[in-house]
Amino acid sequence: MDITKFAIPEIIFGRGSLNYAGQCALRLGARKVFLVSDEGIEQAGWLQRLMDILEKEGIEWVYYPGVTSNPRDFQVELGAEFYAKNGTDVIIAIGGGSAMDTAKGIAIIASNGGKIRDYEGANRVQRPLPPMMLITTTAGSGSDISQFCIITDMKRGVKMSIITRTLVPNISIVDPLILRTKSEALIIQSAVDALAHAIEAYMSRIASPFTEMHSLKAIDLILANMPRAVATRSLDALEQLSIASVSASMAFSNAGLGAEHALAHALGGHFDMPHGVVHPILLTSVMRFNLGIDPQKMAEIGRVILNHRLSSDRKTALAGIERLEAFFASFDVALRLSEIIPASERHRLEALCRMAVNDACNLTNPRPATWEELYRVCEEVW
């Protein structure tokens, strides 16, 4: 076996684990925390709950509310200025992927300077970051675990992938109780994002035994628990989705992703759409594109989806892909690009595919994808 590495944060998991945020912050040396969150978390009451927990431990805080879906480069840069002016130390984000990616981007600039676009790609961050604690309010994005940070470059209209070991936070807190305030749409989008993480990480060119087992477990847990979580908000099912998200995050953080995420970043950056919306549209098409490279591994995914094997690897893989399409169709989600992109904007797909081929996620796709091949995927799912 080749030499591999596996990087994860300290993970505090379980119902009520948010209550340990103050003690964890103290262990990181917190005196004046830089808090990052968004309006939705404020309205749900979780931000105030966190502030109360910090205050109980005698920790001061400064709050930066400049988070939107698909965080922008200028928001990150303004946040870094705010961080520097207020003499803060530990960075804490509570929210979904947007809040956590904003916090990571702020941390990069706070310690390394420059503009966030200077760090696009892999391993371009040279200096250590401030201590970070990330508290996820979704079961999907994985930013609280991963070496990834996704920020929208507003000039190019594309989501930049920033990948480096230093982006793994010191501490991740995963409290399934927080998921009870999520809407049906957010539960679906988050779970499907985690599913895409797991599948692409399993097929990645740099997957290892340490990532593969987490990928397969995540796929199994999501398929088994997502319908009940959506239909009933069952806390047990939501907890299982949280476990699946952690497993998928540990997998993709260390194995990378693939062409589906490269396309998702390009489309999401240009059309400013929620990240989880595009996966039910693109994922199975990209899986078919990759099938010929490693049918045995794709069949293993099919086996987990079907809970049995067919007479050949190819048949098992294809049946798994078809079952996954039926699974997506059982939810209230878009299944074609034409449902989320105006027909008048279809002509932009070629330029976006030319951009997507240079996304860092495409480097670990099992089958090298040209922009023309990515364009054919988009045409297929239009």
Protein backbone atom coordinates (compact mmCIF):
# COMPACT_ATOMS: atom_id res chain seq x y z
CA MET A 1 0.00 0.00 0.00
CA ASP A 2 1.20 3.52 -0.80
CA ILE A 3 2.01 5.95 2.00
CA THR A 4 -1.09 7.94 2.91
CA LYS A 5 -2.17 10.56 5.43
CA PHE A 6 -5.45 11.09 7.25
CA ALA A 7 -6.16 14.45 8.89
CA ILE A 8 -9.23 15.23 11.01
CA PRO A 9 -10.01 17.66 13.83
CA GLU A 10 -10.96 16.78 17.38
CA ILE A 11 -14.65 15.95 17.05
CA ILE A 12 -17.15 16.52 19.87
CA PHE A 13 -20.28 14.63 18.79
CA GLY A 14 -23.67 14.05 20.37
CA ARG A 15 -26.95 15.54 21.52
CA GLY A 16 -26.19 18.60 23.64
CA SER A 17 -22.53 18.80 22.63
CA LEU A 18 -22.98 22.52 21.88
CA ASN A 19 -22.89 23.02 25.66
CA TYR A 20 -19.17 22.21 25.63
CA ALA A 21 -18.30 25.05 23.24
CA GLY A 22 -17.10 27.36 26.04
CA GLN A 23 -14.81 24.78 27.60
CA CYS A 24 -13.41 23.89 24.17
CA ALA A 25 -12.76 27.56 23.40
CA LEU A 26 -10.84 27.95 26.66
CA ARG A 27 -8.66 24.97 25.75
CA LEU A 28 -7.77 26.81 22.54
CA GLY A 29 -6.69 29.85 24.56
CA ALA A 30 -9.75 31.99 23.85
CA ARG A 31 -10.03 35.36 25.54
CA LYS A 32 -11.83 37.33 22.85
CA VAL A 33 -13.53 35.13 20.26
CA PHE A 34 -14.27 36.12 16.67
CA LEU A 35 -17.76 34.75 15.98
CA VAL A 36 -18.99 34.08 12.44
CA SER A 37 -22.58 33.16 11.60
CA ASP A 38 -25.57 34.21 9.52
CA GLU A 39 -29.09 35.59 9.81
CA GLY A 40 -30.80 32.20 9.70
CA ILE A 41 -28.82 30.90 12.67
CA GLU A 42 -29.52 34.13 14.52
CA GLN A 43 -33.27 33.78 13.94
CA ALA A 44 -33.24 30.13 15.02
CA GLY A 45 -31.70 31.20 18.35
CA TRP A 46 -28.54 29.11 18.10
CA LEU A 47 -26.17 32.08 17.87
CA GLN A 48 -27.53 33.60 21.09
CA ARG A 49 -27.28 30.19 22.74
CA LEU A 50 -23.61 30.05 21.80
CA MET A 51 -23.00 33.60 23.02
CA ASP A 52 -24.57 32.71 26.38
CA ILE A 53 -22.34 29.63 26.67
CA LEU A 54 -19.22 31.69 25.99
CA GLU A 55 -20.29 34.41 28.42
CA LYS A 56 -20.79 31.81 31.15
CA GLU A 57 -17.12 30.84 30.75
CA GLY A 58 -16.02 34.49 30.93
CA ILE A 59 -15.10 34.67 27.24
CA GLU A 60 -15.62 37.92 25.33
CA TRP A 61 -16.72 37.84 21.72
CA VAL A 62 -16.99 40.01 18.62
CA TYR A 63 -19.61 39.05 16.04
CA TYR A 64 -19.14 39.22 12.26
CA PRO A 65 -22.49 38.68 10.49
CA GLY A 66 -21.20 39.04 6.92
CA VAL A 67 -22.18 35.56 5.72
CA THR A 68 -24.38 34.75 2.74
CA SER A 69 -25.04 31.57 0.81
CA ASN A 70 -22.04 30.98 -1.47
CA PRO A 71 -19.71 33.33 0.49
CA ARG A 72 -18.10 36.07 -1.58
CA ASP A 73 -14.43 37.01 -1.72
CA PHE A 74 -15.09 40.58 -0.55
CA GLN A 75 -17.05 39.34 2.49
CA VAL A 76 -14.09 37.23 3.54
CA GLU A 77 -11.67 40.12 3.08
CA LEU A 78 -13.88 42.52 5.06
CA GLY A 79 -14.10 39.90 7.79
CA ALA A 80 -10.31 39.63 7.96
CA GLU A 81 -10.08 43.40 8.44
CA PHE A 82 -12.68 43.21 11.21
CA TYR A 83 -10.73 40.37 12.86
CA ALA A 84 -7.50 42.40 12.85
CA LYS A 85 -9.11 45.58 14.21
CA ASN A 86 -10.74 43.90 17.21
CA GLY A 87 -7.79 42.06 18.74
CA THR A 88 -9.55 38.70 18.64
CA ASP A 89 -7.90 35.30 18.92
CA VAL A 90 -9.91 32.09 18.43
CA ILE A 91 -12.29 31.97 15.45
CA ILE A 92 -15.62 30.22 16.03
CA ALA A 93 -18.21 29.70 13.30
CA ILE A 94 -21.70 28.31 13.83
CA GLY A 95 -23.77 27.54 10.78
CA GLY A 96 -23.70 25.64 7.53
CA GLY A 97 -20.94 25.42 4.97
CA SER A 98 -21.16 29.11 4.07
CA ALA A 99 -20.48 30.31 7.63
CA MET A 100 -17.63 27.85 8.10
CA ASP A 101 -16.02 28.60 4.73
CA THR A 102 -16.25 32.32 5.50
CA ALA A 103 -14.49 31.70 8.82
CA LYS A 104 -11.79 29.64 7.12
CA GLY A 105 -11.22 32.33 4.49
CA ILE A 106 -10.95 34.98 7.21
CA ALA A 107 -8.43 32.81 9.06
CA ILE A 108 -6.30 32.45 5.92
CA ILE A 109 -6.06 36.19 5.29
CA ALA A 110 -5.68 37.03 8.98
CA SER A 111 -2.45 35.02 9.18
CA ASN A 112 -1.20 35.07 5.58
CA GLY A 113 -2.35 38.42 4.19
CA GLY A 114 -3.25 39.23 0.59
CA LYS A 115 -6.50 38.43 -1.17
CA ILE A 116 -8.40 35.18 -0.85
CA ARG A 117 -7.96 34.43 -4.56
CA ASP A 118 -4.20 34.21 -3.90
CA TYR A 119 -4.81 30.84 -2.25
CA GLU A 120 -6.96 29.11 -4.86
CA GLY A 121 -5.86 25.54 -5.50
CA ALA A 122 -3.96 23.11 -3.29
CA ASN A 123 -1.34 23.77 -0.60
CA ARG A 124 -0.83 27.49 -1.17
CA VAL A 125 -1.33 28.59 2.45
CA GLN A 126 2.10 28.88 4.06
CA ARG A 127 1.53 30.18 7.62
CA PRO A 128 -0.43 28.58 10.47
CA LEU A 129 -3.97 29.84 10.97
CA PRO A 130 -5.56 31.15 14.17
CA PRO A 131 -7.20 28.43 16.31
CA MET A 132 -10.59 27.50 14.86
CA MET A 133 -13.66 25.80 16.30
CA LEU A 134 -16.47 25.08 13.85
CA ILE A 135 -20.00 24.16 14.92
CA THR A 136 -22.10 22.69 12.14
CA THR A 137 -25.84 23.26 11.92
CA THR A 138 -26.30 20.93 8.92
CA ALA A 139 -25.55 17.29 8.17
CA GLY A 140 -23.82 17.70 4.88
CA SER A 141 -21.29 20.40 4.00
CA GLY A 142 -18.39 18.82 5.90
CA SER A 143 -16.53 22.10 6.18
CA ASP A 144 -16.25 21.57 9.95
CA ILE A 145 -14.08 18.50 9.25
CA SER A 146 -12.38 19.12 5.94
CA GLN A 147 -9.27 20.61 4.38
CA PHE A 148 -11.50 22.48 1.89
CA CYS A 149 -12.71 26.07 1.71
CA ILE A 150 -15.04 27.19 -1.09
CA ILE A 151 -15.29 30.94 -1.80
CA THR A 152 -16.92 32.69 -4.77
CA ASP A 153 -14.63 34.85 -6.90
CA MET A 154 -17.07 37.60 -7.87
CA LYS A 155 -14.99 38.86 -10.80
CA ARG A 156 -14.93 35.46 -12.52
CA GLY A 157 -18.27 34.28 -11.15
CA VAL A 158 -16.85 30.95 -10.01
CA LYS A 159 -16.45 29.11 -6.73
CA MET A 160 -12.77 28.76 -5.84
CA SER A 161 -11.56 25.55 -4.18
CA ILE A 162 -8.90 26.20 -1.56
CA ILE A 163 -7.40 22.99 -0.20
CA THR A 164 -4.75 22.73 2.50
CA ARG A 165 -4.11 20.77 5.68
CA THR A 166 -4.09 23.99 7.72
CA LEU A 167 -7.83 24.43 7.04
CA VAL A 168 -8.71 21.45 9.23
CA PRO A 169 -10.12 23.15 12.35
CA ASN A 170 -8.82 22.39 15.82
CA ILE A 171 -12.26 21.33 17.05
CA SER A 172 -15.52 20.37 15.36
CA ILE A 173 -18.75 20.26 17.36
CA VAL A 174 -21.58 18.20 15.87
CA ASP A 175 -24.82 18.47 17.84
CA PRO A 176 -27.75 16.66 16.13
CA LEU A 177 -30.23 18.62 18.27
CA ILE A 178 -29.53 21.66 16.08
CA LEU A 179 -30.91 19.87 13.03
CA ARG A 180 -34.44 19.98 14.47
CA THR A 181 -34.79 23.60 13.30
CA LYS A 182 -33.77 22.88 9.70
CA SER A 183 -36.30 23.05 6.86
CA GLU A 184 -37.10 20.03 4.68
CA ALA A 185 -35.19 21.60 1.78
CA LEU A 186 -32.06 22.12 3.88
CA ILE A 187 -32.15 18.58 5.25
CA ILE A 188 -32.40 17.20 1.70
CA GLN A 189 -29.72 19.46 0.23
CA SER A 190 -27.30 18.74 3.07
CA ALA A 191 -27.79 14.97 2.98
CA VAL A 192 -27.42 14.82 -0.81
CA ASP A 193 -24.25 16.91 -0.56
CA ALA A 194 -22.84 14.39 1.94
CA LEU A 195 -23.86 11.55 -0.37
CA ALA A 196 -22.01 13.18 -3.27
CA HIS A 197 -18.97 13.64 -1.01
CA ALA A 198 -19.00 9.96 -0.10
CA ILE A 199 -19.41 8.66 -3.65
CA GLU A 200 -16.82 10.93 -5.23
CA ALA A 201 -14.32 10.32 -2.43
CA TYR A 202 -14.73 6.55 -2.84
CA MET A 203 -13.98 6.80 -6.58
CA SER A 204 -11.16 9.35 -6.14
CA ARG A 205 -7.74 8.65 -7.61
CA ILE A 206 -6.20 9.13 -4.15
CA ALA A 207 -8.74 7.18 -2.09
CA SER A 208 -7.25 4.90 0.55
CA PRO A 209 -8.58 2.13 2.82
CA PHE A 210 -8.96 4.78 5.52
CA THR A 211 -11.28 6.88 3.34
CA GLU A 212 -13.08 4.09 1.51
CA MET A 213 -14.63 2.56 4.63
CA HIS A 214 -16.00 5.95 5.68
CA SER A 215 -17.42 6.55 2.18
CA LEU A 216 -19.32 3.28 2.07
CA LYS A 217 -20.68 3.70 5.60
CA ALA A 218 -21.88 7.22 4.78
CA ILE A 219 -23.69 6.04 1.63
CA ASP A 220 -25.44 3.30 3.58
CA LEU A 221 -26.52 5.59 6.44
CA ILE A 222 -27.82 8.36 4.17
CA LEU A 223 -29.93 6.04 2.02
CA ALA A 224 -31.34 4.33 5.12
CA ASN A 225 -32.16 7.46 7.15
CA MET A 226 -32.81 10.36 4.79
CA PRO A 227 -36.46 9.47 3.96
CA ARG A 228 -37.45 9.23 7.63
CA ALA A 229 -35.51 12.36 8.57
CA VAL A 230 -37.31 14.35 5.86
CA ALA A 231 -40.76 12.90 6.53
CA THR A 232 -40.84 12.96 10.34
CA ARG A 233 -37.83 14.98 11.60
CA SER A 234 -37.01 11.89 13.69
CA LEU A 235 -34.13 12.83 15.98
CA ASP A 236 -32.72 9.32 15.65
CA ALA A 237 -32.69 9.62 11.85
CA LEU A 238 -31.19 13.12 11.99
CA GLU A 239 -28.48 11.83 14.30
CA GLN A 240 -27.65 9.06 11.82
CA LEU A 241 -27.42 11.67 9.04
CA SER A 242 -24.98 13.60 11.23
CA ILE A 243 -22.85 10.49 11.65
CA ALA A 244 -22.99 9.92 7.89
CA SER A 245 -21.93 13.51 7.22
CA VAL A 246 -18.92 13.16 9.53
CA SER A 247 -17.88 9.93 7.80
CA ALA A 248 -18.34 11.43 4.32
CA SER A 249 -16.38 14.51 5.40
CA MET A 250 -13.47 12.48 6.74
CA ALA A 251 -13.43 10.63 3.42
CA PHE A 252 -13.51 13.54 0.99
CA SER A 253 -11.24 15.74 3.08
CA ASN A 254 -8.49 13.16 2.71
CA ALA A 255 -9.33 11.66 -0.70
CA GLY A 256 -10.62 14.67 -2.59
CA LEU A 257 -13.69 14.82 -4.81
CA GLY A 258 -14.29 14.66 -8.55
CA ALA A 259 -15.76 16.08 -11.73
CA GLU A 260 -19.26 16.36 -10.30
CA HIS A 261 -18.12 18.80 -7.64
CA ALA A 262 -15.97 20.66 -10.18
CA LEU A 263 -19.10 21.24 -12.25
CA ALA A 264 -21.17 22.07 -9.17
CA HIS A 265 -18.67 24.76 -8.17
CA ALA A 266 -18.73 26.36 -11.64
CA LEU A 267 -22.52 26.30 -11.93
CA GLY A 268 -23.10 27.38 -8.34
CA GLY A 269 -20.63 30.24 -8.57
CA HIS A 270 -22.14 31.66 -11.73
CA PHE A 271 -25.83 31.12 -11.01
CA ASP A 272 -25.55 31.65 -7.23
CA MET A 273 -27.54 28.50 -6.46
CA PRO A 274 -27.43 26.50 -3.21
CA HIS A 275 -24.73 23.85 -3.47
CA GLY A 276 -26.96 20.90 -2.62
CA VAL A 277 -29.48 21.69 -5.36
CA VAL A 278 -27.27 20.54 -8.22
CA HIS A 279 -26.15 17.10 -6.94
CA PRO A 280 -29.36 15.17 -7.74
CA ILE A 281 -29.00 16.50 -11.29
CA LEU A 282 -25.31 15.83 -11.96
CA LEU A 283 -24.22 12.98 -9.71
CA THR A 284 -25.56 9.92 -11.53
CA SER A 285 -24.50 11.26 -14.92
CA VAL A 286 -20.92 11.71 -13.69
CA MET A 287 -21.05 8.24 -12.13
CA ARG A 288 -21.89 6.79 -15.56
CA PHE A 289 -19.04 8.82 -17.07
CA ASN A 290 -16.62 7.25 -14.55
CA LEU A 291 -18.01 3.72 -14.73
CA GLY A 292 -15.62 2.35 -17.36
CA ILE A 293 -12.49 3.35 -15.42
CA ASP A 294 -13.14 1.20 -12.36
CA PRO A 295 -16.33 -0.90 -12.67
CA GLN A 296 -15.33 -2.95 -9.63
CA LYS A 297 -15.35 0.07 -7.31
CA MET A 298 -18.51 1.46 -8.86
CA ALA A 299 -20.08 -1.97 -8.31
CA GLU A 300 -19.19 -1.76 -4.63
CA ILE A 301 -21.19 1.48 -4.44
CA GLY A 302 -23.99 -0.31 -6.31
CA ARG A 303 -23.88 -3.16 -3.81
CA VAL A 304 -24.38 -0.76 -0.91
CA ILE A 305 -27.23 1.04 -2.70
CA LEU A 306 -28.99 -2.20 -3.72
CA ASN A 307 -27.99 -4.23 -0.66
CA HIS A 308 -27.01 -7.09 -3.00
CA ARG A 309 -24.93 -7.84 -6.09
CA LEU A 310 -26.01 -8.79 -9.61
CA SER A 311 -24.27 -11.16 -12.01
CA SER A 312 -21.49 -8.73 -12.99
CA ASP A 313 -19.77 -5.61 -11.74
CA ARG A 314 -21.17 -3.54 -14.60
CA LYS A 315 -24.74 -4.68 -14.01
CA THR A 316 -24.43 -4.03 -10.27
CA ALA A 317 -22.98 -0.58 -10.87
CA LEU A 318 -25.64 0.42 -13.42
CA ALA A 319 -28.48 -0.91 -11.28
CA GLY A 320 -27.10 1.07 -8.33
CA ILE A 321 -27.02 4.24 -10.40
CA GLU A 322 -30.60 3.66 -11.55
CA ARG A 323 -31.75 3.03 -7.98
CA LEU A 324 -30.04 6.26 -6.90
CA GLU A 325 -31.92 8.17 -9.61
CA ALA A 326 -35.19 6.73 -8.31
CA PHE A 327 -34.15 7.69 -4.78
CA PHE A 328 -33.60 11.33 -5.81
CA ALA A 329 -36.90 11.34 -7.70
CA SER A 330 -38.75 10.38 -4.49
CA PHE A 331 -37.97 13.82 -3.02
CA ASP A 332 -39.07 17.30 -4.03
CA VAL A 333 -35.86 18.19 -5.87
CA ALA A 334 -34.90 19.36 -9.36
CA LEU A 335 -33.69 16.54 -11.61
CA ARG A 336 -32.76 18.54 -14.74
CA LEU A 337 -30.61 21.64 -15.18
CA SER A 338 -33.46 23.25 -17.13
CA GLU A 339 -35.46 23.32 -13.90
CA ILE A 340 -32.95 25.60 -12.15
CA ILE A 341 -31.30 27.49 -15.04
CA PRO A 342 -33.28 29.71 -17.45
CA ALA A 343 -33.22 28.56 -21.07
CA SER A 344 -31.83 31.99 -21.99
CA GLU A 345 -28.69 31.14 -19.95
CA ARG A 346 -28.03 27.73 -21.51
CA HIS A 347 -25.39 29.21 -23.81
CA ARG A 348 -23.18 29.87 -20.77
CA LEU A 349 -22.65 26.18 -20.08
CA GLU A 350 -19.68 25.87 -22.44
CA ALA A 351 -17.74 28.65 -20.71
CA LEU A 352 -18.57 27.19 -17.30
CA CYS A 353 -17.36 23.74 -18.35
CA ARG A 354 -14.12 25.28 -19.59
CA MET A 355 -13.77 26.79 -16.13
CA ALA A 356 -14.76 23.62 -14.27
CA VAL A 357 -12.06 21.53 -15.91
CA ASN A 358 -9.47 23.59 -14.00
CA ASP A 359 -11.18 23.13 -10.62
CA ALA A 360 -8.96 21.29 -8.13
CA CYS A 361 -11.68 18.68 -7.61
CA ASN A 362 -11.30 17.55 -11.22
CA LEU A 363 -7.71 16.50 -10.51
CA THR A 364 -8.84 13.57 -8.37
CA ASN A 365 -11.64 12.40 -10.67
CA PRO A 366 -10.91 8.77 -11.62
CA ARG A 367 -11.30 9.53 -15.33
CA PRO A 368 -9.60 12.66 -16.69
CA ALA A 369 -12.41 14.93 -17.86
CA THR A 370 -12.06 17.46 -20.67
CA TRP A 371 -14.29 20.49 -20.88
CA GLU A 372 -16.05 18.88 -23.85
CA GLU A 373 -16.88 15.81 -21.74
CA LEU A 374 -18.15 17.99 -18.90
CA TYR A 375 -20.26 19.87 -21.44
CA ARG A 376 -21.75 16.59 -22.65
CA VAL A 377 -22.70 15.76 -19.06
CA CYS A 378 -24.51 19.11 -18.78
CA GLU A 379 -26.28 18.54 -22.11
CA GLU A 380 -27.30 15.06 -20.99
CA VAL A 381 -28.99 16.38 -17.85
CA TRP A 382 -30.43 19.54 -19.39
